[in-house]
Protein backbone atom coordinates (compact mmCIF):
# COMPACT_ATOMS: atom_id res chain seq x y z
CA MET A 1 48.24 100.38 205.66
CA THR A 2 47.67 97.67 203.10
CA GLU A 3 46.36 100.24 200.62
CA ARG A 4 49.52 102.29 201.10
CA LEU A 5 51.63 99.15 200.62
CA ASP A 6 49.80 98.34 197.39
CA ARG A 7 50.41 101.87 196.08
CA LEU A 8 54.11 101.70 196.96
CA ARG A 9 54.50 98.31 195.28
CA ALA A 10 52.77 99.63 192.15
CA LEU A 11 55.08 102.65 192.16
CA LEU A 12 58.11 100.37 192.49
CA ALA A 13 56.89 98.20 189.62
CA THR A 14 56.48 101.17 187.27
CA GLY A 15 59.97 102.51 187.95
CA ARG A 16 58.70 105.92 189.00
CA ARG A 17 59.78 107.53 192.25
CA ALA A 18 57.03 110.10 192.79
CA ALA A 19 53.30 109.77 193.40
CA GLU A 20 50.39 111.86 194.57
CA SER A 21 47.46 110.52 196.56
CA LYS A 22 44.70 112.42 198.36
CA GLY A 23 46.50 115.71 197.80
CA GLU A 24 49.73 114.39 199.34
CA LYS A 25 52.81 114.20 197.12
CA VAL A 26 55.60 111.78 197.95
CA GLU A 27 58.91 111.58 196.13
CA PHE A 28 61.66 109.10 196.90
CA ARG A 29 65.32 109.91 196.19
CA SER A 30 66.16 106.48 194.84
CA ASP A 31 64.75 103.06 194.08
CA ALA A 32 66.56 101.74 197.14
CA GLU A 33 64.77 104.25 199.37
CA LEU A 34 61.42 103.21 197.85
CA ALA A 35 62.25 99.52 198.36
CA ALA A 36 63.18 100.26 201.99
CA ALA A 37 59.81 101.99 202.49
CA VAL A 38 58.00 98.93 201.09
CA SER A 39 60.01 96.63 203.35
CA ASP A 40 59.35 98.78 206.42
CA LEU A 41 55.63 98.88 205.75
CA GLU A 42 55.58 95.08 205.29
CA ARG A 43 57.28 94.71 208.69
CA GLN A 44 54.74 97.03 210.34
CA ILE A 45 51.81 95.08 208.88
CA ALA A 46 53.35 91.78 209.99
CA ALA A 47 53.89 93.14 213.51
CA GLN A 48 50.24 94.22 213.76
CA ALA A 49 49.15 90.78 212.61
CA GLY A 50 51.24 89.21 215.39
CA LYS A 51 53.66 87.48 213.05
CA PRO A 52 57.27 87.12 214.20
CA PRO A 53 59.84 89.21 212.32
CA ALA A 54 61.69 87.57 209.46
CA ARG A 55 65.18 86.44 210.37
CA VAL A 56 68.14 86.09 208.05
CA VAL A 57 70.80 83.46 208.59
CA TYR A 58 74.14 83.72 206.81
CA ILE A 59 76.17 80.54 206.43
CA ASN A 60 79.88 80.71 205.79
CA SER A 61 81.88 77.59 205.04
CA SER A 62 85.34 76.65 203.88
CA LYS A 63 87.28 73.53 202.95
CA GLY A 64 89.28 73.75 206.17
CA THR A 65 92.59 74.58 204.57
């Protein structure tokens, strides 16, 4: 999986959306779809390593008016 992640990151860095590896061609519709694939693969690798999933906290504040 880490090899696949490295290939996807390299593809994202070059700005291309299509690649061929071991006779298998993959083409993503957009950069966002490619970024989502990278993120999903990172989550899968983290889950196999036993790491807890990343959490996002949004803070909203106001002046109280």
